[in-house]
Amino acid sequence: MTRLKAGARHPVRFTLNGKAVEAEAEPRMLLSDFLRHRLGATGTHVGCEHGVCGACTVVVDGMLTRACLTLAVQVDGCDLRTVEGLAPSPDRLGALQRAFRRNHALQCGFCTAGILMSLDHYLSRHPAPTEEDIRDLLSGHLCRCTGYTPIIRAALEAAQLATSTEETSDA
């Protein structure tokens, strides 16, 4: 990576939820702050600022990433997905989001964005997870409200719905 001048702002260009974006960032600006304050993508939350709670989880070039541990300049040229990109349209929730709503898998909502991003990423690669798989994935997230049981139910329901939809569409 090119050495950047500490006191200057540098252009950062990438794709955010399918749209090309560009803004300037200081070399030490965190991706979480860049998304929230420069681009207005406030769905990415900042909890612990140590990468432990998972509230800031986003997907960068297909990899789950903690935005509070990533510098904004590091994503130049990358493809990013945030919770704002999960819904198929502004007026319609995605299947996982609908399952969360049906199962009361969120209360205060602070951790929800990061958990949704991790689950969406995982379920796209593992369409038939077990409860143990989901519990293992959730071990990287802190939720102080739900006790995790509704989140697990919602994830398993979303996986089952996706699998049954695929089977129905193949028939």
C-alpha atoms as a PDB file:
ATOM      1  CA  MET A   1       0.000   0.000   0.000  1.00  0.00           C
ATOM      2  CA  THR A   2       1.192   3.487  -0.816  1.00  0.00           C
ATOM      3  CA  ARG A   3       2.350   5.575   2.117  1.00  0.00           C
ATOM      4  CA  LEU A   4      -0.197   8.315   2.734  1.00  0.00           C
ATOM      5  CA  LYS A   5       0.447  11.776   4.164  1.00  0.00           C
ATOM      6  CA  ALA A   6      -0.878  11.854   7.723  1.00  0.00           C
ATOM      7  CA  GLY A   7      -2.313  15.375   7.674  1.00  0.00           C
ATOM      8  CA  ALA A   8      -4.043  15.178   4.295  1.00  0.00           C
ATOM      9  CA  ARG A   9      -7.320  13.775   3.083  1.00  0.00           C
ATOM     10  CA  HIS A  10      -7.199  11.117   0.398  1.00  0.00           C
ATOM     11  CA  PRO A  11      -9.880  10.062  -2.096  1.00  0.00           C
ATOM     12  CA  VAL A  12     -11.504   6.720  -1.319  1.00  0.00           C
ATOM     13  CA  ARG A  13     -13.518   5.140  -4.143  1.00  0.00           C
ATOM     14  CA  PHE A  14     -15.447   1.902  -3.832  1.00  0.00           C
ATOM     15  CA  THR A  15     -18.776   0.252  -4.473  1.00  0.00           C
ATOM     16  CA  LEU A  16     -21.272   0.484  -1.617  1.00  0.00           C
ATOM     17  CA  ASN A  17     -24.298  -1.788  -1.914  1.00  0.00           C
ATOM     18  CA  GLY A  18     -23.938  -1.826  -5.693  1.00  0.00           C
ATOM     19  CA  LYS A  19     -23.378   1.913  -6.172  1.00  0.00           C
ATOM     20  CA  ALA A  20     -20.086   3.663  -6.881  1.00  0.00           C
ATOM     21  CA  VAL A  21     -19.177   6.113  -4.103  1.00  0.00           C
ATOM     22  CA  GLU A  22     -16.297   8.491  -3.487  1.00  0.00           C
ATOM     23  CA  ALA A  23     -15.337  10.657  -0.547  1.00  0.00           C
ATOM     24  CA  GLU A  24     -12.192  11.813   1.177  1.00  0.00           C
ATOM     25  CA  ALA A  25     -10.708  10.380   4.357  1.00  0.00           C
ATOM     26  CA  GLU A  26      -7.724  11.020   6.552  1.00  0.00           C
ATOM     27  CA  PRO A  27      -5.375   7.994   6.671  1.00  0.00           C
ATOM     28  CA  ARG A  28      -6.376   7.145  10.272  1.00  0.00           C
ATOM     29  CA  MET A  29     -10.162   7.440   9.776  1.00  0.00           C
ATOM     30  CA  LEU A  30     -11.958   4.204  10.597  1.00  0.00           C
ATOM     31  CA  LEU A  31     -14.262   2.663   8.035  1.00  0.00           C
ATOM     32  CA  SER A  32     -17.129   2.738  10.538  1.00  0.00           C
ATOM     33  CA  ASP A  33     -16.766   6.508  10.961  1.00  0.00           C
ATOM     34  CA  PHE A  34     -16.326   7.002   7.212  1.00  0.00           C
ATOM     35  CA  LEU A  35     -19.517   5.080   6.423  1.00  0.00           C
ATOM     36  CA  ARG A  36     -21.562   6.854   9.093  1.00  0.00           C
ATOM     37  CA  HIS A  37     -20.224  10.418   8.932  1.00  0.00           C
ATOM     38  CA  ARG A  38     -18.963  10.860   5.366  1.00  0.00           C
ATOM     39  CA  LEU A  39     -21.475   8.683   3.494  1.00  0.00           C
ATOM     40  CA  GLY A  40     -24.507   8.692   5.799  1.00  0.00           C
ATOM     41  CA  ALA A  41     -24.666   4.864   5.968  1.00  0.00           C
ATOM     42  CA  THR A  42     -25.692   4.879   9.624  1.00  0.00           C
ATOM     43  CA  GLY A  43     -26.861   1.247   9.764  1.00  0.00           C
ATOM     44  CA  THR A  44     -23.297   0.254  10.614  1.00  0.00           C
ATOM     45  CA  HIS A  45     -23.109   0.734  14.367  1.00  0.00           C
ATOM     46  CA  VAL A  46     -20.088   1.297  16.581  1.00  0.00           C
ATOM     47  CA  GLY A  47     -20.195  -0.480  19.915  1.00  0.00           C
ATOM     48  CA  CYS A  48     -16.935  -1.515  21.489  1.00  0.00           C
ATOM     49  CA  GLU A  49     -14.437  -0.091  18.965  1.00  0.00           C
ATOM     50  CA  HIS A  50     -12.298  -3.190  19.568  1.00  0.00           C
ATOM     51  CA  GLY A  51     -13.920  -5.626  17.113  1.00  0.00           C
ATOM     52  CA  VAL A  52     -15.455  -7.698  19.903  1.00  0.00           C
ATOM     53  CA  CYS A  53     -19.174  -6.833  19.789  1.00  0.00           C
ATOM     54  CA  GLY A  54     -19.739  -7.259  16.040  1.00  0.00           C
ATOM     55  CA  ALA A  55     -22.135  -4.299  15.692  1.00  0.00           C
ATOM     56  CA  CYS A  56     -19.948  -2.798  12.950  1.00  0.00           C
ATOM     57  CA  THR A  57     -19.772  -5.939  10.778  1.00  0.00           C
ATOM     58  CA  VAL A  58     -19.837  -5.301   7.022  1.00  0.00           C
ATOM     59  CA  VAL A  59     -18.798  -7.350   4.000  1.00  0.00           C
ATOM     60  CA  VAL A  60     -15.704  -6.192   2.073  1.00  0.00           C
ATOM     61  CA  ASP A  61     -14.932  -8.066  -1.140  1.00  0.00           C
ATOM     62  CA  GLY A  62     -16.916 -11.059   0.106  1.00  0.00           C
ATOM     63  CA  MET A  63     -15.254 -11.194   3.540  1.00  0.00           C
ATOM     64  CA  LEU A  64     -16.881 -10.349   6.865  1.00  0.00           C
ATOM     65  CA  THR A  65     -15.038  -7.320   8.224  1.00  0.00           C
ATOM     66  CA  ARG A  66     -15.190  -5.291  11.413  1.00  0.00           C
ATOM     67  CA  ALA A  67     -15.521  -1.698  10.221  1.00  0.00           C
ATOM     68  CA  CYS A  68     -14.175  -0.390  13.552  1.00  0.00           C
ATOM     69  CA  LEU A  69     -10.867  -2.176  12.899  1.00  0.00           C
ATOM     70  CA  THR A  70     -10.526  -1.219   9.237  1.00  0.00           C
ATOM     71  CA  LEU A  71      -9.205   2.060   7.918  1.00  0.00           C
ATOM     72  CA  ALA A  72     -11.361   3.779   5.300  1.00  0.00           C
ATOM     73  CA  VAL A  73      -8.410   4.110   2.902  1.00  0.00           C
ATOM     74  CA  GLN A  74      -7.999   0.317   2.955  1.00  0.00           C
ATOM     75  CA  VAL A  75     -11.279  -0.204   1.076  1.00  0.00           C
ATOM     76  CA  ASP A  76     -10.303   1.923  -1.914  1.00  0.00           C
ATOM     77  CA  GLY A  77     -11.325  -0.072  -4.997  1.00  0.00           C
ATOM     78  CA  CYS A  78     -13.303  -2.652  -2.987  1.00  0.00           C
ATOM     79  CA  ASP A  79     -16.893  -3.859  -3.041  1.00  0.00           C
ATOM     80  CA  LEU A  80     -18.720  -3.205   0.268  1.00  0.00           C
ATOM     81  CA  ARG A  81     -22.081  -4.378   1.564  1.00  0.00           C
ATOM     82  CA  THR A  82     -23.745  -2.921   4.614  1.00  0.00           C
ATOM     83  CA  VAL A  83     -27.073  -3.620   6.266  1.00  0.00           C
ATOM     84  CA  GLU A  84     -28.636  -0.952   4.044  1.00  0.00           C
ATOM     85  CA  GLY A  85     -27.986  -3.275   1.097  1.00  0.00           C
ATOM     86  CA  LEU A  86     -29.827  -6.308   2.486  1.00  0.00           C
ATOM     87  CA  ALA A  87     -33.352  -5.233   1.536  1.00  0.00           C
ATOM     88  CA  PRO A  88     -34.322  -5.892  -2.097  1.00  0.00           C
ATOM     89  CA  SER A  89     -35.941  -2.429  -2.284  1.00  0.00           C
ATOM     90  CA  PRO A  90     -36.488   0.503   0.079  1.00  0.00           C
ATOM     91  CA  ASP A  91     -40.065  -0.569   0.785  1.00  0.00           C
ATOM     92  CA  ARG A  92     -39.435  -4.309   1.174  1.00  0.00           C
ATOM     93  CA  LEU A  93     -37.415  -6.251   3.749  1.00  0.00           C
ATOM     94  CA  GLY A  94     -35.239  -9.204   2.805  1.00  0.00           C
ATOM     95  CA  ALA A  95     -36.173 -12.755   3.929  1.00  0.00           C
ATOM     96  CA  LEU A  96     -33.757 -12.718   6.870  1.00  0.00           C
ATOM     97  CA  GLN A  97     -35.017  -9.316   8.003  1.00  0.00           C
ATOM     98  CA  ARG A  98     -38.625 -10.521   7.790  1.00  0.00           C
ATOM     99  CA  ALA A  99     -37.719 -13.608   9.845  1.00  0.00           C
ATOM    100  CA  PHE A 100     -36.157 -11.332  12.461  1.00  0.00           C
ATOM    101  CA  ARG A 101     -39.355  -9.316  12.642  1.00  0.00           C
ATOM    102  CA  ARG A 102     -41.592 -12.412  12.876  1.00  0.00           C
ATOM    103  CA  ASN A 103     -39.461 -13.978  15.620  1.00  0.00           C
ATOM    104  CA  HIS A 104     -38.911 -10.775  17.627  1.00  0.00           C
ATOM    105  CA  ALA A 105     -35.176 -11.249  17.120  1.00  0.00           C
ATOM    106  CA  LEU A 106     -34.372  -7.649  17.882  1.00  0.00           C
ATOM    107  CA  GLN A 107     -35.217  -5.357  20.716  1.00  0.00           C
ATOM    108  CA  CYS A 108     -33.042  -2.269  20.951  1.00  0.00           C
ATOM    109  CA  GLY A 109     -31.630  -3.045  17.495  1.00  0.00           C
ATOM    110  CA  PHE A 110     -28.096  -1.913  18.213  1.00  0.00           C
ATOM    111  CA  CYS A 111     -26.443  -5.260  17.443  1.00  0.00           C
ATOM    112  CA  THR A 112     -28.921  -6.224  14.718  1.00  0.00           C
ATOM    113  CA  ALA A 113     -27.110  -4.769  11.703  1.00  0.00           C
ATOM    114  CA  GLY A 114     -23.895  -6.660  12.391  1.00  0.00           C
ATOM    115  CA  ILE A 115     -25.721  -9.896  13.170  1.00  0.00           C
ATOM    116  CA  LEU A 116     -27.791  -9.602   9.995  1.00  0.00           C
ATOM    117  CA  MET A 117     -24.646  -9.070   7.920  1.00  0.00           C
ATOM    118  CA  SER A 118     -22.921 -12.104   9.446  1.00  0.00           C
ATOM    119  CA  LEU A 119     -25.983 -14.321   9.078  1.00  0.00           C
ATOM    120  CA  ASP A 120     -26.666 -13.204   5.498  1.00  0.00           C
ATOM    121  CA  HIS A 121     -23.057 -13.921   4.561  1.00  0.00           C
ATOM    122  CA  TYR A 122     -23.065 -17.296   6.328  1.00  0.00           C
ATOM    123  CA  LEU A 123     -26.454 -18.464   5.033  1.00  0.00           C
ATOM    124  CA  SER A 124     -25.493 -17.632   1.447  1.00  0.00           C
ATOM    125  CA  ARG A 125     -22.604 -20.109   1.782  1.00  0.00           C
ATOM    126  CA  HIS A 126     -24.271 -22.633   4.128  1.00  0.00           C
ATOM    127  CA  PRO A 127     -27.944 -22.910   3.169  1.00  0.00           C
ATOM    128  CA  ALA A 128     -28.819 -25.671   5.662  1.00  0.00           C
ATOM    129  CA  PRO A 129     -27.230 -24.670   8.980  1.00  0.00           C
ATOM    130  CA  THR A 130     -27.781 -26.437  12.267  1.00  0.00           C
ATOM    131  CA  GLU A 131     -28.617 -24.637  15.475  1.00  0.00           C
ATOM    132  CA  GLU A 132     -25.051 -25.303  16.582  1.00  0.00           C
ATOM    133  CA  ASP A 133     -23.720 -23.632  13.408  1.00  0.00           C
ATOM    134  CA  ILE A 134     -25.779 -20.520  14.106  1.00  0.00           C
ATOM    135  CA  ARG A 135     -24.743 -20.444  17.771  1.00  0.00           C
ATOM    136  CA  ASP A 136     -21.095 -20.682  16.708  1.00  0.00           C
ATOM    137  CA  LEU A 137     -21.518 -17.787  14.276  1.00  0.00           C
ATOM    138  CA  LEU A 138     -23.267 -15.686  16.919  1.00  0.00           C
ATOM    139  CA  SER A 139     -20.393 -16.204  19.338  1.00  0.00           C
ATOM    140  CA  GLY A 140     -18.717 -13.339  17.475  1.00  0.00           C
ATOM    141  CA  HIS A 141     -21.532 -10.934  18.403  1.00  0.00           C
ATOM    142  CA  LEU A 142     -22.781  -9.424  21.629  1.00  0.00           C
ATOM    143  CA  CYS A 143     -26.504  -8.883  22.173  1.00  0.00           C
ATOM    144  CA  ARG A 144     -27.677  -7.692  25.561  1.00  0.00           C
ATOM    145  CA  CYS A 145     -31.428  -7.771  24.909  1.00  0.00           C
ATOM    146  CA  THR A 146     -32.709 -10.935  23.225  1.00  0.00           C
ATOM    147  CA  GLY A 147     -30.857 -13.806  24.838  1.00  0.00           C
ATOM    148  CA  TYR A 148     -30.041 -15.061  21.289  1.00  0.00           C
ATOM    149  CA  THR A 149     -32.867 -17.635  21.139  1.00  0.00           C
ATOM    150  CA  PRO A 150     -35.116 -15.514  18.880  1.00  0.00           C
ATOM    151  CA  ILE A 151     -32.121 -14.704  16.663  1.00  0.00           C
ATOM    152  CA  ILE A 152     -31.344 -18.412  16.252  1.00  0.00           C
ATOM    153  CA  ARG A 153     -35.012 -19.153  15.467  1.00  0.00           C
ATOM    154  CA  ALA A 154     -35.078 -16.377  12.875  1.00  0.00           C
ATOM    155  CA  ALA A 155     -31.868 -17.570  11.201  1.00  0.00           C
ATOM    156  CA  LEU A 156     -33.076 -21.161  11.001  1.00  0.00           C
ATOM    157  CA  GLU A 157     -36.449 -20.010   9.661  1.00  0.00           C
ATOM    158  CA  ALA A 158     -34.813 -17.848   6.985  1.00  0.00           C
ATOM    159  CA  ALA A 159     -32.573 -20.747   5.935  1.00  0.00           C
ATOM    160  CA  GLN A 160     -35.554 -23.096   5.741  1.00  0.00           C
ATOM    161  CA  LEU A 161     -37.576 -20.578   3.716  1.00  0.00           C
ATOM    162  CA  ALA A 162     -34.683 -20.065   1.299  1.00  0.00           C
ATOM    163  CA  THR A 163     -34.237 -23.811   0.853  1.00  0.00           C
ATOM    164  CA  SER A 164     -37.965 -24.440   0.330  1.00  0.00           C
ATOM    165  CA  THR A 165     -38.172 -21.548  -2.144  1.00  0.00           C
ATOM    166  CA  GLU A 166     -35.260 -22.997  -4.140  1.00  0.00           C
ATOM    167  CA  GLU A 167     -36.879 -26.446  -4.141  1.00  0.00           C
ATOM    168  CA  THR A 168     -40.219 -24.967  -5.229  1.00  0.00           C
ATOM    169  CA  SER A 169     -38.643 -22.910  -8.017  1.00  0.00           C
ATOM    170  CA  ASP A 170     -36.785 -25.964  -9.342  1.00  0.00           C
ATOM    171  CA  ALA A 171     -39.987 -28.002  -9.643  1.00  0.00           C
END
